[in-house]
PDB file of N, CA and C in Angstrom:
ATOM      1  N   UNK A   1      52.449  -6.049  66.451  1.00  0.00           N
ATOM      2  CA  UNK A   1      53.624  -5.281  66.769  1.00  0.00           C
ATOM      3  C   UNK A   1      54.768  -5.657  65.832  1.00  0.00           C
ATOM      4  N   UNK A   2      54.754  -6.864  65.326  1.00  0.00           N
ATOM      5  CA  UNK A   2      55.800  -7.281  64.402  1.00  0.00           C
ATOM      6  C   UNK A   2      55.695  -6.522  63.083  1.00  0.00           C
ATOM      7  N   UNK A   3      54.481  -6.126  62.673  1.00  0.00           N
ATOM      8  CA  UNK A   3      54.305  -5.410  61.415  1.00  0.00           C
ATOM      9  C   UNK A   3      54.666  -3.931  61.514  1.00  0.00           C
ATOM     10  N   UNK A   4      54.283  -3.281  62.593  1.00  0.00           N
ATOM     11  CA  UNK A   4      54.481  -1.838  62.689  1.00  0.00           C
ATOM     12  C   UNK A   4      55.601  -1.443  63.640  1.00  0.00           C
ATOM     13  N   UNK A   5      56.226  -2.373  64.303  1.00  0.00           N
ATOM     14  CA  UNK A   5      57.302  -2.053  65.239  1.00  0.00           C
ATOM     15  C   UNK A   5      56.737  -1.625  66.582  1.00  0.00           C
ATOM     16  N   UNK A   6      57.535  -0.885  67.316  1.00  0.00           N
ATOM     17  CA  UNK A   6      57.106  -0.451  68.640  1.00  0.00           C
ATOM     18  C   UNK A   6      56.571   0.975  68.623  1.00  0.00           C
ATOM     19  N   UNK A   7      56.263   1.508  67.439  1.00  0.00           N
ATOM     20  CA  UNK A   7      55.807   2.893  67.345  1.00  0.00           C
ATOM     21  C   UNK A   7      54.540   3.164  68.149  1.00  0.00           C
ATOM     22  N   UNK A   8      53.504   2.321  68.086  1.00  0.00           N
ATOM     23  CA  UNK A   8      52.302   2.634  68.882  1.00  0.00           C
ATOM     24  C   UNK A   8      52.591   2.683  70.381  1.00  0.00           C
ATOM     25  N   UNK A   9      53.437   1.797  70.866  1.00  0.00           N
ATOM     26  CA  UNK A   9      53.772   1.810  72.288  1.00  0.00           C
ATOM     27  C   UNK A   9      54.582   3.047  72.640  1.00  0.00           C
ATOM     28  N   UNK A  10      55.535   3.417  71.778  1.00  0.00           N
ATOM     29  CA  UNK A  10      56.316   4.635  72.011  1.00  0.00           C
ATOM     30  C   UNK A  10      55.424   5.867  71.981  1.00  0.00           C
ATOM     31  N   UNK A  11      54.451   5.870  71.089  1.00  0.00           N
ATOM     32  CA  UNK A  11      53.520   6.991  70.984  1.00  0.00           C
ATOM     33  C   UNK A  11      52.701   7.116  72.268  1.00  0.00           C
ATOM     34  N   UNK A  12      52.199   6.002  72.771  1.00  0.00           N
ATOM     35  CA  UNK A  12      51.425   6.009  74.009  1.00  0.00           C
ATOM     36  C   UNK A  12      52.282   6.476  75.183  1.00  0.00           C
ATOM     37  N   UNK A  13      53.495   5.934  75.312  1.00  0.00           N
ATOM     38  CA  UNK A  13      54.384   6.337  76.399  1.00  0.00           C
ATOM     39  C   UNK A  13      54.743   7.811  76.318  1.00  0.00           C
ATOM     40  N   UNK A  14      54.990   8.306  75.132  1.00  0.00           N
ATOM     41  CA  UNK A  14      55.354   9.715  75.002  1.00  0.00           C
ATOM     42  C   UNK A  14      54.190  10.621  75.359  1.00  0.00           C
ATOM     43  N   UNK A  15      52.969  10.238  75.009  1.00  0.00           N
ATOM     44  CA  UNK A  15      51.802  11.046  75.397  1.00  0.00           C
ATOM     45  C   UNK A  15      51.643  11.076  76.902  1.00  0.00           C
ATOM     46  N   UNK A  16      51.773   9.926  77.545  1.00  0.00           N
ATOM     47  CA  UNK A  16      51.613   9.858  78.998  1.00  0.00           C
ATOM     48  C   UNK A  16      52.724  10.642  79.698  1.00  0.00           C
ATOM     49  N   UNK A  17      53.965  10.442  79.288  1.00  0.00           N
ATOM     50  CA  UNK A  17      55.081  11.141  79.913  1.00  0.00           C
ATOM     51  C   UNK A  17      55.017  12.650  79.679  1.00  0.00           C
ATOM     52  N   UNK A  18      54.522  13.057  78.525  1.00  0.00           N
ATOM     53  CA  UNK A  18      54.374  14.481  78.251  1.00  0.00           C
ATOM     54  C   UNK A  18      53.334  15.114  79.176  1.00  0.00           C
ATOM     55  N   UNK A  19      52.215  14.441  79.347  1.00  0.00           N
ATOM     56  CA  UNK A  19      51.165  14.970  80.237  1.00  0.00           C
ATOM     57  C   UNK A  19      51.625  14.998  81.689  1.00  0.00           C
ATOM     58  N   UNK A  20      52.238  13.935  82.145  1.00  0.00           N
ATOM     59  CA  UNK A  20      52.697  13.867  83.533  1.00  0.00           C
ATOM     60  C   UNK A  20      53.822  14.883  83.769  1.00  0.00           C
ATOM     61  N   UNK A  21      54.746  14.961  82.852  1.00  0.00           N
ATOM     62  CA  UNK A  21      55.855  15.907  83.001  1.00  0.00           C
ATOM     63  C   UNK A  21      55.388  17.351  83.013  1.00  0.00           C
ATOM     64  N   UNK A  22      54.449  17.696  82.156  1.00  0.00           N
ATOM     65  CA  UNK A  22      53.920  19.053  82.127  1.00  0.00           C
ATOM     66  C   UNK A  22      53.156  19.365  83.409  1.00  0.00           C
ATOM     67  N   UNK A  23      52.412  18.404  83.926  1.00  0.00           N
ATOM     68  CA  UNK A  23      51.691  18.608  85.183  1.00  0.00           C
ATOM     69  C   UNK A  23      52.655  18.816  86.348  1.00  0.00           C
ATOM     70  N   UNK A  24      53.729  18.051  86.383  1.00  0.00           N
ATOM     71  CA  UNK A  24      54.724  18.203  87.449  1.00  0.00           C
ATOM     72  C   UNK A  24      55.409  19.565  87.348  1.00  0.00           C
ATOM     73  N   UNK A  25      55.752  19.977  86.151  1.00  0.00           N
ATOM     74  CA  UNK A  25      56.381  21.283  85.985  1.00  0.00           C
ATOM     75  C   UNK A  25      55.429  22.425  86.350  1.00  0.00           C
ATOM     76  N   UNK A  26      54.150  22.275  86.026  1.00  0.00           N
ATOM     77  CA  UNK A  26      53.163  23.298  86.386  1.00  0.00           C
ATOM     78  C   UNK A  26      52.985  23.377  87.902  1.00  0.00           C
ATOM     79  N   UNK A  27      52.980  22.239  88.565  1.00  0.00           N
ATOM     80  CA  UNK A  27      52.870  22.232  90.028  1.00  0.00           C
ATOM     81  C   UNK A  27      54.103  22.879  90.657  1.00  0.00           C
ATOM     82  N   UNK A  28      55.252  22.630  90.087  1.00  0.00           N
ATOM     83  CA  UNK A  28      56.483  23.243  90.586  1.00  0.00           C
ATOM     84  C   UNK A  28      56.447  24.758  90.391  1.00  0.00           C
ATOM     85  N   UNK A  29      55.966  25.206  89.243  1.00  0.00           N
ATOM     86  CA  UNK A  29      55.843  26.645  88.989  1.00  0.00           C
ATOM     87  C   UNK A  29      54.880  27.273  89.981  1.00  0.00           C
ATOM     88  N   UNK A  30      53.799  26.591  90.268  1.00  0.00           N
ATOM     89  CA  UNK A  30      52.819  27.099  91.222  1.00  0.00           C
ATOM     90  C   UNK A  30      53.430  27.271  92.607  1.00  0.00           C
ATOM     91  N   UNK A  31      54.247  26.334  93.018  1.00  0.00           N
ATOM     92  CA  UNK A  31      54.899  26.438  94.329  1.00  0.00           C
ATOM     93  C   UNK A  31      55.939  27.554  94.347  1.00  0.00           C
ATOM     94  N   UNK A  32      56.664  27.727  93.264  1.00  0.00           N
ATOM     95  CA  UNK A  32      57.703  28.750  93.218  1.00  0.00           C
ATOM     96  C   UNK A  32      57.127  30.157  93.194  1.00  0.00           C
ATOM     97  N   UNK A  33      55.965  30.344  92.578  1.00  0.00           N
ATOM     98  CA  UNK A  33      55.368  31.665  92.437  1.00  0.00           C
ATOM     99  C   UNK A  33      54.543  32.047  93.666  1.00  0.00           C
ATOM    100  N   UNK A  34      54.117  31.064  94.443  1.00  0.00           N
ATOM    101  CA  UNK A  34      53.284  31.313  95.625  1.00  0.00           C
ATOM    102  C   UNK A  34      54.036  32.205  96.619  1.00  0.00           C
ATOM    103  N   UNK A  35      53.436  33.332  96.983  1.00  0.00           N
ATOM    104  CA  UNK A  35      54.081  34.293  97.894  1.00  0.00           C
ATOM    105  C   UNK A  35      54.160  33.771  99.330  1.00  0.00           C
ATOM    106  N   UNK A  36      53.279  32.854  99.704  1.00  0.00           N
ATOM    107  CA  UNK A  36      53.258  32.331 101.065  1.00  0.00           C
ATOM    108  C   UNK A  36      54.344  31.279 101.309  1.00  0.00           C
ATOM    109  N   UNK A  37      54.946  30.771 100.265  1.00  0.00           N
ATOM    110  CA  UNK A  37      55.987  29.755 100.396  1.00  0.00           C
ATOM    111  C   UNK A  37      57.303  30.430 100.772  1.00  0.00           C
ATOM    112  N   UNK A  38      57.810  30.127 101.944  1.00  0.00           N
ATOM    113  CA  UNK A  38      59.034  30.769 102.452  1.00  0.00           C
ATOM    114  C   UNK A  38      60.298  30.239 101.775  1.00  0.00           C
ATOM    115  N   UNK A  39      60.220  29.051 101.196  1.00  0.00           N
ATOM    116  CA  UNK A  39      61.400  28.430 100.602  1.00  0.00           C
ATOM    117  C   UNK A  39      61.875  29.158  99.352  1.00  0.00           C
ATOM    118  N   UNK A  40      60.952  29.739  98.581  1.00  0.00           N
ATOM    119  CA  UNK A  40      61.292  30.398  97.320  1.00  0.00           C
ATOM    120  C   UNK A  40      61.035  31.900  97.394  1.00  0.00           C
ATOM    121  N   UNK A  41      61.197  32.521  98.562  1.00  0.00           N
ATOM    122  CA  UNK A  41      60.835  33.929  98.691  1.00  0.00           C
ATOM    123  C   UNK A  41      61.785  34.849  97.932  1.00  0.00           C
ATOM    124  N   UNK A  42      63.021  34.437  97.694  1.00  0.00           N
ATOM    125  CA  UNK A  42      63.978  35.284  96.970  1.00  0.00           C
ATOM    126  C   UNK A  42      63.978  35.035  95.464  1.00  0.00           C
ATOM    127  N   UNK A  43      63.122  34.160  94.988  1.00  0.00           N
ATOM    128  CA  UNK A  43      63.077  33.823  93.563  1.00  0.00           C
ATOM    129  C   UNK A  43      62.074  34.723  92.842  1.00  0.00           C
ATOM    130  N   UNK A  44      62.537  35.388  91.797  1.00  0.00           N
ATOM    131  CA  UNK A  44      61.657  36.265  91.029  1.00  0.00           C
ATOM    132  C   UNK A  44      60.671  35.434  90.210  1.00  0.00           C
ATOM    133  N   UNK A  45      59.424  35.898  90.090  1.00  0.00           N
ATOM    134  CA  UNK A  45      58.433  35.154  89.287  1.00  0.00           C
ATOM    135  C   UNK A  45      58.852  35.012  87.818  1.00  0.00           C
ATOM    136  N   UNK A  46      59.561  36.004  87.304  1.00  0.00           N
ATOM    137  CA  UNK A  46      60.018  35.929  85.910  1.00  0.00           C
ATOM    138  C   UNK A  46      61.028  34.805  85.714  1.00  0.00           C
ATOM    139  N   UNK A  47      61.913  34.641  86.703  1.00  0.00           N
ATOM    140  CA  UNK A  47      62.888  33.558  86.610  1.00  0.00           C
ATOM    141  C   UNK A  47      62.208  32.200  86.725  1.00  0.00           C
ATOM    142  N   UNK A  48      61.212  32.094  87.611  1.00  0.00           N
ATOM    143  CA  UNK A  48      60.476  30.838  87.767  1.00  0.00           C
ATOM    144  C   UNK A  48      59.771  30.476  86.466  1.00  0.00           C
ATOM    145  N   UNK A  49      59.163  31.475  85.814  1.00  0.00           N
ATOM    146  CA  UNK A  49      58.484  31.206  84.547  1.00  0.00           C
ATOM    147  C   UNK A  49      59.481  30.843  83.452  1.00  0.00           C
ATOM    148  N   UNK A  50      60.636  31.497  83.437  1.00  0.00           N
ATOM    149  CA  UNK A  50      61.663  31.171  82.439  1.00  0.00           C
ATOM    150  C   UNK A  50      62.160  29.740  82.623  1.00  0.00           C
ATOM    151  N   UNK A  51      62.347  29.325  83.882  1.00  0.00           N
ATOM    152  CA  UNK A  51      62.759  27.937  84.141  1.00  0.00           C
ATOM    153  C   UNK A  51      61.671  26.955  83.698  1.00  0.00           C
ATOM    154  N   UNK A  52      60.410  27.326  83.916  1.00  0.00           N
ATOM    155  CA  UNK A  52      59.293  26.486  83.498  1.00  0.00           C
ATOM    156  C   UNK A  52      59.291  26.305  81.978  1.00  0.00           C
ATOM    157  N   UNK A  53      59.469  27.393  81.260  1.00  0.00           N
ATOM    158  CA  UNK A  53      59.475  27.328  79.797  1.00  0.00           C
ATOM    159  C   UNK A  53      60.663  26.514  79.297  1.00  0.00           C
ATOM    160  N   UNK A  54      61.840  26.740  79.867  1.00  0.00           N
ATOM    161  CA  UNK A  54      63.032  26.002  79.448  1.00  0.00           C
ATOM    162  C   UNK A  54      62.881  24.505  79.728  1.00  0.00           C
ATOM    163  N   UNK A  55      62.389  24.157  80.907  1.00  0.00           N
ATOM    164  CA  UNK A  55      62.205  22.740  81.242  1.00  0.00           C
ATOM    165  C   UNK A  55      61.150  22.092  80.353  1.00  0.00           C
ATOM    166  N   UNK A  56      60.091  22.836  80.020  1.00  0.00           N
ATOM    167  CA  UNK A  56      59.084  22.308  79.107  1.00  0.00           C
ATOM    168  C   UNK A  56      59.672  22.068  77.720  1.00  0.00           C
ATOM    169  N   UNK A  57      60.512  22.979  77.275  1.00  0.00           N
ATOM    170  CA  UNK A  57      61.159  22.821  75.974  1.00  0.00           C
ATOM    171  C   UNK A  57      62.038  21.577  75.954  1.00  0.00           C
ATOM    172  N   UNK A  58      62.835  21.397  76.995  1.00  0.00           N
ATOM    173  CA  UNK A  58      63.702  20.216  77.076  1.00  0.00           C
ATOM    174  C   UNK A  58      62.862  18.942  77.160  1.00  0.00           C
ATOM    175  N   UNK A  59      61.816  18.968  77.974  1.00  0.00           N
ATOM    176  CA  UNK A  59      60.940  17.803  78.096  1.00  0.00           C
ATOM    177  C   UNK A  59      60.351  17.406  76.747  1.00  0.00           C
ATOM    178  N   UNK A  60      59.839  18.363  76.012  1.00  0.00           N
ATOM    179  CA  UNK A  60      59.202  18.029  74.743  1.00  0.00           C
ATOM    180  C   UNK A  60      60.217  17.661  73.658  1.00  0.00           C
ATOM    181  N   UNK A  61      61.434  18.183  73.733  1.00  0.00           N
ATOM    182  CA  UNK A  61      62.472  17.721  72.809  1.00  0.00           C
ATOM    183  C   UNK A  61      62.829  16.256  73.079  1.00  0.00           C
ATOM    184  N   UNK A  62      62.890  15.883  74.344  1.00  0.00           N
ATOM    185  CA  UNK A  62      63.161  14.486  74.696  1.00  0.00           C
ATOM    186  C   UNK A  62      62.009  13.597  74.240  1.00  0.00           C
ATOM    187  N   UNK A  63      60.789  14.065  74.414  1.00  0.00           N
ATOM    188  CA  UNK A  63      59.615  13.302  73.981  1.00  0.00           C
ATOM    189  C   UNK A  63      59.637  13.105  72.462  1.00  0.00           C
ATOM    190  N   UNK A  64      59.953  14.156  71.723  1.00  0.00           N
ATOM    191  CA  UNK A  64      60.007  14.017  70.253  1.00  0.00           C
ATOM    192  C   UNK A  64      61.134  13.095  69.823  1.00  0.00           C
ATOM    193  N   UNK A  65      62.256  13.128  70.545  1.00  0.00           N
ATOM    194  CA  UNK A  65      63.349  12.230  70.241  1.00  0.00           C
ATOM    195  C   UNK A  65      62.959  10.786  70.528  1.00  0.00           C
ATOM    196  N   UNK A  66      62.185  10.583  71.581  1.00  0.00           N
ATOM    197  CA  UNK A  66      61.724   9.241  71.927  1.00  0.00           C
ATOM    198  C   UNK A  66      60.799   8.664  70.855  1.00  0.00           C
ATOM    199  N   UNK A  67      60.010   9.545  70.216  1.00  0.00           N
ATOM    200  CA  UNK A  67      59.127   9.084  69.148  1.00  0.00           C
ATOM    201  C   UNK A  67      59.914   8.607  67.927  1.00  0.00           C
ATOM    202  N   UNK A  68      61.055   9.193  67.704  1.00  0.00           N
ATOM    203  CA  UNK A  68      61.881   8.758  66.580  1.00  0.00           C
ATOM    204  C   UNK A  68      61.844   9.730  65.512  1.00  0.00           C
TER     205      UNK A  68
END
């Protein structure tokens, strides 16, 4: 680690956080789009998908920034 810095560890953390974050966002999208869920009945599916895409974009920008 003294020779290459913390890049391998940052790379591993960014891969794990990217996978976990995308899975959480996908699960959230699934709940928002589900017609049987009474909590999100007034939310349009297009808006839910737009929020999913925007949050994914922000997540991956943070991940790329973390890599350096």
